[in-house]
PDB file of N, CA and C in Angstrom:
ATOM      1  N   UNK A   1     -12.492   1.421   7.263  1.00  0.00           N
ATOM      2  CA  UNK A   1     -11.486   0.925   7.195  1.00  0.00           C
ATOM      3  C   UNK A   1     -10.334   0.850   8.326  1.00  0.00           C
ATOM      4  N   UNK A   2      -9.519  -0.061   8.487  1.00  0.00           N
ATOM      5  CA  UNK A   2      -8.802  -0.607   9.287  1.00  0.00           C
ATOM      6  C   UNK A   2      -8.125   0.269  10.177  1.00  0.00           C
ATOM      7  N   UNK A   3      -7.931   0.543  11.352  1.00  0.00           N
ATOM      8  CA  UNK A   3      -6.989   1.526  12.052  1.00  0.00           C
ATOM      9  C   UNK A   3      -6.138   0.736  12.658  1.00  0.00           C
ATOM     10  N   UNK A   4      -6.088  -0.923  12.853  1.00  0.00           N
ATOM     11  CA  UNK A   4      -5.211  -1.108  13.263  1.00  0.00           C
ATOM     12  C   UNK A   4      -3.840  -1.757  12.343  1.00  0.00           C
ATOM     13  N   UNK A   5      -3.054  -1.232  12.395  1.00  0.00           N
ATOM     14  CA  UNK A   5      -1.593  -0.980  11.691  1.00  0.00           C
ATOM     15  C   UNK A   5      -0.696  -0.485  12.616  1.00  0.00           C
ATOM     16  N   UNK A   6       0.491  -0.943  11.700  1.00  0.00           N
ATOM     17  CA  UNK A   6       1.776  -0.899  12.213  1.00  0.00           C
ATOM     18  C   UNK A   6       2.291   0.073  11.219  1.00  0.00           C
ATOM     19  N   UNK A   7       3.538   1.068  11.524  1.00  0.00           N
ATOM     20  CA  UNK A   7       4.374   1.670  10.510  1.00  0.00           C
ATOM     21  C   UNK A   7       5.593   1.502  10.769  1.00  0.00           C
ATOM     22  N   UNK A   8       6.155   1.244   9.856  1.00  0.00           N
ATOM     23  CA  UNK A   8       7.837   0.520   9.718  1.00  0.00           C
ATOM     24  C   UNK A   8       8.394   1.705   8.752  1.00  0.00           C
ATOM     25  N   UNK A   9       9.438   2.482   9.270  1.00  0.00           N
ATOM     26  CA  UNK A   9       9.936   3.867   8.402  1.00  0.00           C
ATOM     27  C   UNK A   9      11.387   2.968   8.110  1.00  0.00           C
ATOM     28  N   UNK A  10      11.994   3.488   6.906  1.00  0.00           N
ATOM     29  CA  UNK A  10      13.449   3.235   6.829  1.00  0.00           C
ATOM     30  C   UNK A  10      13.113   1.451   6.266  1.00  0.00           C
ATOM     31  N   UNK A  11      12.152   0.957   5.418  1.00  0.00           N
ATOM     32  CA  UNK A  11      11.963  -0.302   5.265  1.00  0.00           C
ATOM     33  C   UNK A  11      12.628  -0.638   4.046  1.00  0.00           C
ATOM     34  N   UNK A  12      13.476  -1.818   4.081  1.00  0.00           N
ATOM     35  CA  UNK A  12      13.935  -2.220   2.777  1.00  0.00           C
ATOM     36  C   UNK A  12      12.774  -2.894   1.518  1.00  0.00           C
ATOM     37  N   UNK A  13      11.870  -3.430   2.502  1.00  0.00           N
ATOM     38  CA  UNK A  13      10.771  -3.654   1.304  1.00  0.00           C
ATOM     39  C   UNK A  13      10.349  -2.269   0.923  1.00  0.00           C
ATOM     40  N   UNK A  14      10.168  -1.124   1.415  1.00  0.00           N
ATOM     41  CA  UNK A  14       9.792  -0.128   0.499  1.00  0.00           C
ATOM     42  C   UNK A  14      10.699   0.518  -0.168  1.00  0.00           C
ATOM     43  N   UNK A  15      12.062   0.445   0.081  1.00  0.00           N
ATOM     44  CA  UNK A  15      13.001   0.722  -0.910  1.00  0.00           C
ATOM     45  C   UNK A  15      13.241   0.089  -1.894  1.00  0.00           C
ATOM     46  N   UNK A  16      13.084  -1.323  -1.995  1.00  0.00           N
ATOM     47  CA  UNK A  16      12.682  -2.228  -3.288  1.00  0.00           C
ATOM     48  C   UNK A  16      11.803  -1.407  -4.089  1.00  0.00           C
ATOM     49  N   UNK A  17      10.514  -1.613  -3.407  1.00  0.00           N
ATOM     50  CA  UNK A  17       9.269  -0.932  -4.264  1.00  0.00           C
ATOM     51  C   UNK A  17       9.398   0.528  -4.703  1.00  0.00           C
ATOM     52  N   UNK A  18      10.271   1.450  -4.309  1.00  0.00           N
ATOM     53  CA  UNK A  18      10.765   2.754  -4.456  1.00  0.00           C
ATOM     54  C   UNK A  18      11.640   2.544  -6.110  1.00  0.00           C
ATOM     55  N   UNK A  19      12.476   1.582  -5.847  1.00  0.00           N
ATOM     56  CA  UNK A  19      13.394   1.107  -6.939  1.00  0.00           C
ATOM     57  C   UNK A  19      12.603   0.930  -8.356  1.00  0.00           C
ATOM     58  N   UNK A  20      11.670   0.066  -8.190  1.00  0.00           N
ATOM     59  CA  UNK A  20      10.952  -0.814  -8.799  1.00  0.00           C
ATOM     60  C   UNK A  20       9.910   0.332  -9.714  1.00  0.00           C
ATOM     61  N   UNK A  21       9.277   1.068  -8.441  1.00  0.00           N
ATOM     62  CA  UNK A  21       8.552   2.092  -9.127  1.00  0.00           C
ATOM     63  C   UNK A  21       9.063   3.638  -9.679  1.00  0.00           C
ATOM     64  N   UNK A  22      10.258   3.707  -9.360  1.00  0.00           N
ATOM     65  CA  UNK A  22      10.992   4.635  -9.631  1.00  0.00           C
ATOM     66  C   UNK A  22      10.631   5.790  -9.366  1.00  0.00           C
ATOM     67  N   UNK A  23      10.299   5.898  -8.139  1.00  0.00           N
ATOM     68  CA  UNK A  23       9.808   6.901  -6.867  1.00  0.00           C
ATOM     69  C   UNK A  23      10.689   7.178  -6.073  1.00  0.00           C
ATOM     70  N   UNK A  24      10.954   8.358  -5.402  1.00  0.00           N
ATOM     71  CA  UNK A  24      11.636   8.794  -4.272  1.00  0.00           C
ATOM     72  C   UNK A  24      11.208   8.044  -3.128  1.00  0.00           C
ATOM     73  N   UNK A  25       9.724   8.450  -2.636  1.00  0.00           N
ATOM     74  CA  UNK A  25       9.227   7.929  -1.342  1.00  0.00           C
ATOM     75  C   UNK A  25       7.779   6.961  -1.728  1.00  0.00           C
ATOM     76  N   UNK A  26       8.141   6.051  -0.913  1.00  0.00           N
ATOM     77  CA  UNK A  26       6.916   4.952  -1.293  1.00  0.00           C
ATOM     78  C   UNK A  26       6.855   4.218   0.161  1.00  0.00           C
ATOM     79  N   UNK A  27       5.245   4.206   0.167  1.00  0.00           N
ATOM     80  CA  UNK A  27       4.721   3.240   1.303  1.00  0.00           C
ATOM     81  C   UNK A  27       3.918   1.803   0.459  1.00  0.00           C
ATOM     82  N   UNK A  28       4.369   0.742   1.184  1.00  0.00           N
ATOM     83  CA  UNK A  28       3.661  -0.382   0.890  1.00  0.00           C
ATOM     84  C   UNK A  28       3.307  -0.979   1.887  1.00  0.00           C
ATOM     85  N   UNK A  29       2.127  -1.746   1.439  1.00  0.00           N
ATOM     86  CA  UNK A  29       1.475  -2.430   2.738  1.00  0.00           C
ATOM     87  C   UNK A  29       1.736  -3.873   2.760  1.00  0.00           C
ATOM     88  N   UNK A  30       2.125  -4.735   3.736  1.00  0.00           N
ATOM     89  CA  UNK A  30       2.169  -6.068   3.819  1.00  0.00           C
ATOM     90  C   UNK A  30       1.471  -6.378   5.441  1.00  0.00           C
ATOM     91  N   UNK A  31       0.237  -6.932   5.060  1.00  0.00           N
ATOM     92  CA  UNK A  31      -0.437  -7.526   6.123  1.00  0.00           C
ATOM     93  C   UNK A  31      -0.903  -6.038   6.732  1.00  0.00           C
ATOM     94  N   UNK A  32      -0.624  -5.776   8.113  1.00  0.00           N
ATOM     95  CA  UNK A  32      -1.239  -4.886   8.929  1.00  0.00           C
ATOM     96  C   UNK A  32       0.215  -4.085   9.064  1.00  0.00           C
ATOM     97  N   UNK A  33       0.881  -4.011   8.313  1.00  0.00           N
ATOM     98  CA  UNK A  33       2.519  -3.243   8.381  1.00  0.00           C
ATOM     99  C   UNK A  33       2.295  -2.311   7.193  1.00  0.00           C
ATOM    100  N   UNK A  34       2.417  -1.244   7.504  1.00  0.00           N
ATOM    101  CA  UNK A  34       3.053   0.297   6.100  1.00  0.00           C
ATOM    102  C   UNK A  34       3.956   0.424   6.448  1.00  0.00           C
ATOM    103  N   UNK A  35       4.877  -0.482   5.286  1.00  0.00           N
ATOM    104  CA  UNK A  35       6.665  -0.110   4.951  1.00  0.00           C
ATOM    105  C   UNK A  35       6.669   1.443   4.311  1.00  0.00           C
ATOM    106  N   UNK A  36       7.607   2.397   5.221  1.00  0.00           N
ATOM    107  CA  UNK A  36       7.911   3.492   4.771  1.00  0.00           C
ATOM    108  C   UNK A  36       9.438   3.378   3.829  1.00  0.00           C
ATOM    109  N   UNK A  37       9.624   4.240   2.756  1.00  0.00           N
ATOM    110  CA  UNK A  37      10.682   4.572   2.294  1.00  0.00           C
ATOM    111  C   UNK A  37      10.749   6.187   2.309  1.00  0.00           C
ATOM    112  N   UNK A  38      11.667   6.898   2.506  1.00  0.00           N
ATOM    113  CA  UNK A  38      12.014   8.075   2.699  1.00  0.00           C
ATOM    114  C   UNK A  38      10.649   9.270   2.594  1.00  0.00           C
ATOM    115  N   UNK A  39      10.076   8.580   4.063  1.00  0.00           N
ATOM    116  CA  UNK A  39       9.101   9.381   4.125  1.00  0.00           C
ATOM    117  C   UNK A  39       8.968   9.179   5.721  1.00  0.00           C
ATOM    118  N   UNK A  40       8.930  10.184   6.678  1.00  0.00           N
ATOM    119  CA  UNK A  40       8.601   9.976   8.100  1.00  0.00           C
ATOM    120  C   UNK A  40       7.295   9.581   8.191  1.00  0.00           C
ATOM    121  N   UNK A  41       6.756   8.933   9.416  1.00  0.00           N
ATOM    122  CA  UNK A  41       5.431   8.376   9.651  1.00  0.00           C
ATOM    123  C   UNK A  41       4.821   9.555  10.234  1.00  0.00           C
ATOM    124  N   UNK A  42       5.208  10.631  10.649  1.00  0.00           N
ATOM    125  CA  UNK A  42       4.169  11.778  11.084  1.00  0.00           C
ATOM    126  C   UNK A  42       3.907  12.526   9.822  1.00  0.00           C
ATOM    127  N   UNK A  43       4.737  12.788   8.507  1.00  0.00           N
ATOM    128  CA  UNK A  43       4.392  13.368   7.474  1.00  0.00           C
ATOM    129  C   UNK A  43       3.270  12.297   6.414  1.00  0.00           C
ATOM    130  N   UNK A  44       3.721  11.217   6.915  1.00  0.00           N
ATOM    131  CA  UNK A  44       2.869  10.216   6.286  1.00  0.00           C
ATOM    132  C   UNK A  44       1.579  10.410   6.896  1.00  0.00           C
ATOM    133  N   UNK A  45       1.391  10.005   7.990  1.00  0.00           N
ATOM    134  CA  UNK A  45      -0.298  10.191   8.882  1.00  0.00           C
ATOM    135  C   UNK A  45      -0.941  11.496   8.279  1.00  0.00           C
ATOM    136  N   UNK A  46       0.037  12.599   7.811  1.00  0.00           N
ATOM    137  CA  UNK A  46      -0.898  13.676   7.614  1.00  0.00           C
ATOM    138  C   UNK A  46      -1.060  13.973   6.433  1.00  0.00           C
ATOM    139  N   UNK A  47      -0.768  12.938   5.711  1.00  0.00           N
ATOM    140  CA  UNK A  47      -1.410  13.164   4.307  1.00  0.00           C
ATOM    141  C   UNK A  47      -2.488  12.326   4.342  1.00  0.00           C
ATOM    142  N   UNK A  48      -3.656  12.561   3.942  1.00  0.00           N
ATOM    143  CA  UNK A  48      -4.720  11.822   4.169  1.00  0.00           C
ATOM    144  C   UNK A  48      -5.021  11.219   3.272  1.00  0.00           C
ATOM    145  N   UNK A  49      -4.659  11.382   1.797  1.00  0.00           N
ATOM    146  CA  UNK A  49      -5.057  10.891   0.829  1.00  0.00           C
ATOM    147  C   UNK A  49      -4.271   9.458   0.689  1.00  0.00           C
ATOM    148  N   UNK A  50      -2.856   9.829   0.967  1.00  0.00           N
ATOM    149  CA  UNK A  50      -1.902   8.569   1.256  1.00  0.00           C
ATOM    150  C   UNK A  50      -2.392   7.454   2.159  1.00  0.00           C
ATOM    151  N   UNK A  51      -2.647   7.811   3.340  1.00  0.00           N
ATOM    152  CA  UNK A  51      -3.046   7.264   4.527  1.00  0.00           C
ATOM    153  C   UNK A  51      -4.268   6.276   4.026  1.00  0.00           C
ATOM    154  N   UNK A  52      -5.157   6.815   3.269  1.00  0.00           N
ATOM    155  CA  UNK A  52      -6.356   5.990   3.037  1.00  0.00           C
ATOM    156  C   UNK A  52      -6.023   5.250   2.091  1.00  0.00           C
ATOM    157  N   UNK A  53      -5.200   5.557   1.071  1.00  0.00           N
ATOM    158  CA  UNK A  53      -4.797   4.776   0.107  1.00  0.00           C
ATOM    159  C   UNK A  53      -4.200   3.611   0.659  1.00  0.00           C
ATOM    160  N   UNK A  54      -3.267   3.259   1.485  1.00  0.00           N
ATOM    161  CA  UNK A  54      -2.474   2.243   2.223  1.00  0.00           C
ATOM    162  C   UNK A  54      -3.517   1.877   3.119  1.00  0.00           C
ATOM    163  N   UNK A  55      -4.338   2.352   3.854  1.00  0.00           N
ATOM    164  CA  UNK A  55      -5.439   1.651   4.596  1.00  0.00           C
ATOM    165  C   UNK A  55      -6.622   0.912   3.848  1.00  0.00           C
ATOM    166  N   UNK A  56      -6.705   1.085   2.646  1.00  0.00           N
ATOM    167  CA  UNK A  56      -7.359   0.264   1.502  1.00  0.00           C
ATOM    168  C   UNK A  56      -6.973  -1.089   1.283  1.00  0.00           C
ATOM    169  N   UNK A  57      -5.422  -0.759   1.264  1.00  0.00           N
ATOM    170  CA  UNK A  57      -4.641  -2.282   1.149  1.00  0.00           C
ATOM    171  C   UNK A  57      -4.849  -3.275   2.434  1.00  0.00           C
ATOM    172  N   UNK A  58      -4.784  -2.594   3.595  1.00  0.00           N
ATOM    173  CA  UNK A  58      -4.951  -3.610   4.800  1.00  0.00           C
ATOM    174  C   UNK A  58      -6.339  -3.776   4.661  1.00  0.00           C
ATOM    175  N   UNK A  59      -7.510  -3.234   4.171  1.00  0.00           N
ATOM    176  CA  UNK A  59      -8.485  -3.888   4.339  1.00  0.00           C
ATOM    177  C   UNK A  59      -8.599  -4.938   3.232  1.00  0.00           C
ATOM    178  N   UNK A  60      -8.004  -4.738   1.884  1.00  0.00           N
ATOM    179  CA  UNK A  60      -7.776  -6.019   0.992  1.00  0.00           C
ATOM    180  C   UNK A  60      -7.180  -7.091   1.605  1.00  0.00           C
ATOM    181  N   UNK A  61      -6.015  -7.037   2.383  1.00  0.00           N
ATOM    182  CA  UNK A  61      -5.483  -8.115   2.901  1.00  0.00           C
ATOM    183  C   UNK A  61      -6.454  -8.581   3.746  1.00  0.00           C
ATOM    184  N   UNK A  62      -7.435  -8.028   4.730  1.00  0.00           N
ATOM    185  CA  UNK A  62      -8.059  -8.510   5.710  1.00  0.00           C
ATOM    186  C   UNK A  62      -9.400  -9.162   4.751  1.00  0.00           C
ATOM    187  N   UNK A  63      -9.670  -8.483   3.664  1.00  0.00           N
ATOM    188  CA  UNK A  63     -10.683  -9.387   3.086  1.00  0.00           C
ATOM    189  C   UNK A  63     -10.373 -10.540   2.370  1.00  0.00           C
ATOM    190  N   UNK A  64      -9.176 -10.666   1.908  1.00  0.00           N
ATOM    191  CA  UNK A  64      -8.843 -11.703   0.872  1.00  0.00           C
ATOM    192  C   UNK A  64      -8.174 -12.652   1.601  1.00  0.00           C
ATOM    193  N   UNK A  65      -7.301 -12.377   2.921  1.00  0.00           N
ATOM    194  CA  UNK A  65      -6.111 -13.300   3.539  1.00  0.00           C
ATOM    195  C   UNK A  65      -5.146 -13.003   3.167  1.00  0.00           C
ATOM    196  N   UNK A  66      -3.936 -13.097   4.322  1.00  0.00           N
ATOM    197  CA  UNK A  66      -2.642 -12.787   3.586  1.00  0.00           C
ATOM    198  C   UNK A  66      -1.889 -13.330   2.407  1.00  0.00           C
ATOM    199  N   UNK A  67      -1.588 -14.546   2.529  1.00  0.00           N
ATOM    200  CA  UNK A  67      -1.356 -15.105   1.123  1.00  0.00           C
ATOM    201  C   UNK A  67      -2.128 -15.154  -0.106  1.00  0.00           C
ATOM    202  N   UNK A  68      -3.352 -15.589   0.187  1.00  0.00           N
ATOM    203  CA  UNK A  68      -4.455 -15.536  -1.200  1.00  0.00           C
ATOM    204  C   UNK A  68      -4.181 -13.836  -1.537  1.00  0.00           C
ATOM    205  N   UNK A  69      -4.161 -12.615  -0.710  1.00  0.00           N
ATOM    206  CA  UNK A  69      -4.503 -11.383  -1.504  1.00  0.00           C
ATOM    207  C   UNK A  69      -2.786 -11.172  -1.910  1.00  0.00           C
ATOM    208  N   UNK A  70      -1.798 -11.736  -1.312  1.00  0.00           N
ATOM    209  CA  UNK A  70      -0.522 -11.562  -2.024  1.00  0.00           C
ATOM    210  C   UNK A  70      -0.676 -12.388  -3.857  1.00  0.00           C
ATOM    211  N   UNK A  71      -0.980 -13.258  -3.555  1.00  0.00           N
ATOM    212  CA  UNK A  71      -1.008 -13.905  -5.262  1.00  0.00           C
ATOM    213  C   UNK A  71      -2.122 -13.213  -5.886  1.00  0.00           C
ATOM    214  N   UNK A  72      -3.319 -12.743  -5.602  1.00  0.00           N
ATOM    215  CA  UNK A  72      -3.882 -12.410  -6.519  1.00  0.00           C
ATOM    216  C   UNK A  72      -3.409 -11.003  -7.017  1.00  0.00           C
ATOM    217  N   UNK A  73      -2.702  -9.960  -6.092  1.00  0.00           N
ATOM    218  CA  UNK A  73      -2.405  -8.787  -6.257  1.00  0.00           C
ATOM    219  C   UNK A  73      -1.392  -9.092  -7.473  1.00  0.00           C
ATOM    220  N   UNK A  74      -0.666  -9.907  -7.283  1.00  0.00           N
ATOM    221  CA  UNK A  74       0.811 -10.163  -8.260  1.00  0.00           C
ATOM    222  C   UNK A  74       0.108 -10.826  -9.609  1.00  0.00           C
ATOM    223  N   UNK A  75      -0.750 -11.464  -9.746  1.00  0.00           N
ATOM    224  CA  UNK A  75      -1.499 -11.838 -10.788  1.00  0.00           C
ATOM    225  C   UNK A  75      -1.988 -10.830 -11.511  1.00  0.00           C
ATOM    226  N   UNK A  76      -2.742  -9.951 -10.704  1.00  0.00           N
ATOM    227  CA  UNK A  76      -3.782  -8.884 -11.079  1.00  0.00           C
ATOM    228  C   UNK A  76      -2.422  -7.685 -12.005  1.00  0.00           C
ATOM    229  N   UNK A  77      -1.459  -7.719 -11.023  1.00  0.00           N
ATOM    230  CA  UNK A  77      -0.549  -6.742 -11.944  1.00  0.00           C
ATOM    231  C   UNK A  77       0.212  -7.396 -13.150  1.00  0.00           C
ATOM    232  N   UNK A  78       0.542  -8.736 -12.825  1.00  0.00           N
ATOM    233  CA  UNK A  78       1.107  -9.492 -14.376  1.00  0.00           C
ATOM    234  C   UNK A  78       0.113  -9.100 -15.459  1.00  0.00           C
ATOM    235  N   UNK A  79      -0.985  -9.332 -15.056  1.00  0.00           N
ATOM    236  CA  UNK A  79      -2.262  -9.246 -16.149  1.00  0.00           C
ATOM    237  C   UNK A  79      -2.634  -7.827 -16.770  1.00  0.00           C
ATOM    238  N   UNK A  80      -2.620  -6.855 -15.664  1.00  0.00           N
ATOM    239  CA  UNK A  80      -2.968  -5.407 -16.108  1.00  0.00           C
ATOM    240  C   UNK A  80      -2.134  -4.355 -16.105  1.00  0.00           C
ATOM    241  N   UNK A  81      -0.903  -4.703 -15.420  1.00  0.00           N
ATOM    242  CA  UNK A  81       0.080  -3.683 -15.119  1.00  0.00           C
ATOM    243  C   UNK A  81      -0.348  -3.204 -13.512  1.00  0.00           C
ATOM    244  N   UNK A  82       0.957  -2.810 -13.127  1.00  0.00           N
ATOM    245  CA  UNK A  82       0.429  -1.894 -11.748  1.00  0.00           C
ATOM    246  C   UNK A  82      -0.503  -1.042 -11.720  1.00  0.00           C
ATOM    247  N   UNK A  83      -0.632   0.050 -12.480  1.00  0.00           N
ATOM    248  CA  UNK A  83      -1.736   1.142 -12.504  1.00  0.00           C
ATOM    249  C   UNK A  83      -3.101   0.542 -12.764  1.00  0.00           C
ATOM    250  N   UNK A  84      -2.963  -0.192 -13.874  1.00  0.00           N
ATOM    251  CA  UNK A  84      -4.430  -0.820 -13.810  1.00  0.00           C
ATOM    252  C   UNK A  84      -5.082  -1.929 -13.168  1.00  0.00           C
ATOM    253  N   UNK A  85      -3.860  -2.347 -12.321  1.00  0.00           N
ATOM    254  CA  UNK A  85      -4.343  -3.147 -11.168  1.00  0.00           C
ATOM    255  C   UNK A  85      -5.715  -3.020 -10.383  1.00  0.00           C
ATOM    256  N   UNK A  86      -6.918  -3.736 -10.141  1.00  0.00           N
ATOM    257  CA  UNK A  86      -8.046  -3.230  -9.899  1.00  0.00           C
ATOM    258  C   UNK A  86      -8.054  -2.777  -8.394  1.00  0.00           C
ATOM    259  N   UNK A  87      -6.828  -3.699  -7.445  1.00  0.00           N
ATOM    260  CA  UNK A  87      -6.404  -3.262  -5.956  1.00  0.00           C
ATOM    261  C   UNK A  87      -6.110  -1.975  -6.085  1.00  0.00           C
ATOM    262  N   UNK A  88      -5.127  -1.731  -6.991  1.00  0.00           N
ATOM    263  CA  UNK A  88      -4.740  -0.231  -6.840  1.00  0.00           C
ATOM    264  C   UNK A  88      -5.588   0.816  -7.530  1.00  0.00           C
ATOM    265  N   UNK A  89      -6.766   0.708  -8.444  1.00  0.00           N
ATOM    266  CA  UNK A  89      -7.678   1.299  -8.913  1.00  0.00           C
ATOM    267  C   UNK A  89      -8.634   1.644  -7.340  1.00  0.00           C
ATOM    268  N   UNK A  90      -9.066   0.503  -6.761  1.00  0.00           N
ATOM    269  CA  UNK A  90      -9.739   0.628  -5.677  1.00  0.00           C
ATOM    270  C   UNK A  90      -8.826   1.355  -4.752  1.00  0.00           C
ATOM    271  N   UNK A  91      -7.796   1.448  -4.222  1.00  0.00           N
ATOM    272  CA  UNK A  91      -7.095   2.150  -3.391  1.00  0.00           C
ATOM    273  C   UNK A  91      -7.133   3.677  -3.736  1.00  0.00           C
ATOM    274  N   UNK A  92      -6.933   3.798  -4.939  1.00  0.00           N
ATOM    275  CA  UNK A  92      -6.944   5.190  -5.490  1.00  0.00           C
ATOM    276  C   UNK A  92      -8.496   5.944  -5.150  1.00  0.00           C
ATOM    277  N   UNK A  93      -9.260   5.066  -5.471  1.00  0.00           N
ATOM    278  CA  UNK A  93     -10.564   5.467  -5.042  1.00  0.00           C
ATOM    279  C   UNK A  93     -10.907   5.771  -3.578  1.00  0.00           C
ATOM    280  N   UNK A  94     -10.438   5.106  -2.788  1.00  0.00           N
ATOM    281  CA  UNK A  94     -10.224   5.425  -1.199  1.00  0.00           C
ATOM    282  C   UNK A  94      -9.634   6.387  -0.762  1.00  0.00           C
ATOM    283  N   UNK A  95      -8.866   6.930  -1.686  1.00  0.00           N
ATOM    284  CA  UNK A  95      -7.981   8.044  -1.422  1.00  0.00           C
ATOM    285  C   UNK A  95      -8.804   9.501  -1.047  1.00  0.00           C
ATOM    286  N   UNK A  96     -10.149   9.627  -1.476  1.00  0.00           N
ATOM    287  CA  UNK A  96     -10.952  10.647  -1.333  1.00  0.00           C
ATOM    288  C   UNK A  96     -11.836  10.278  -0.012  1.00  0.00           C
ATOM    289  N   UNK A  97     -11.985   9.098   0.328  1.00  0.00           N
ATOM    290  CA  UNK A  97     -12.628   8.857   1.466  1.00  0.00           C
ATOM    291  C   UNK A  97     -12.310   9.834   2.814  1.00  0.00           C
ATOM    292  N   UNK A  98     -13.239  10.117   3.606  1.00  0.00           N
ATOM    293  CA  UNK A  98     -13.005  11.098   4.832  1.00  0.00           C
ATOM    294  C   UNK A  98     -12.883  10.076   5.702  1.00  0.00           C
TER     295      UNK A  98
END
């Protein structure tokens, strides 16, 4: 997993994601940046499962390329929904990685 990433707290991008997902706290990856809403980076980094999930998304960006991955992710979500999106399934599996 990539350890080359930045964290942006109080991100408006993550705030929009939180509203869309109807959840209080959110992390969303765009490229090599993890955008956070309603969670401090120190708390996020201590949550190994959540960190591994987002690092998997960074790896997906690296594997597919920035624009191609965004396109593939949106298409996958439109076809199968957020929860059944294959990239989310892969990221949930990565949560268990040490």
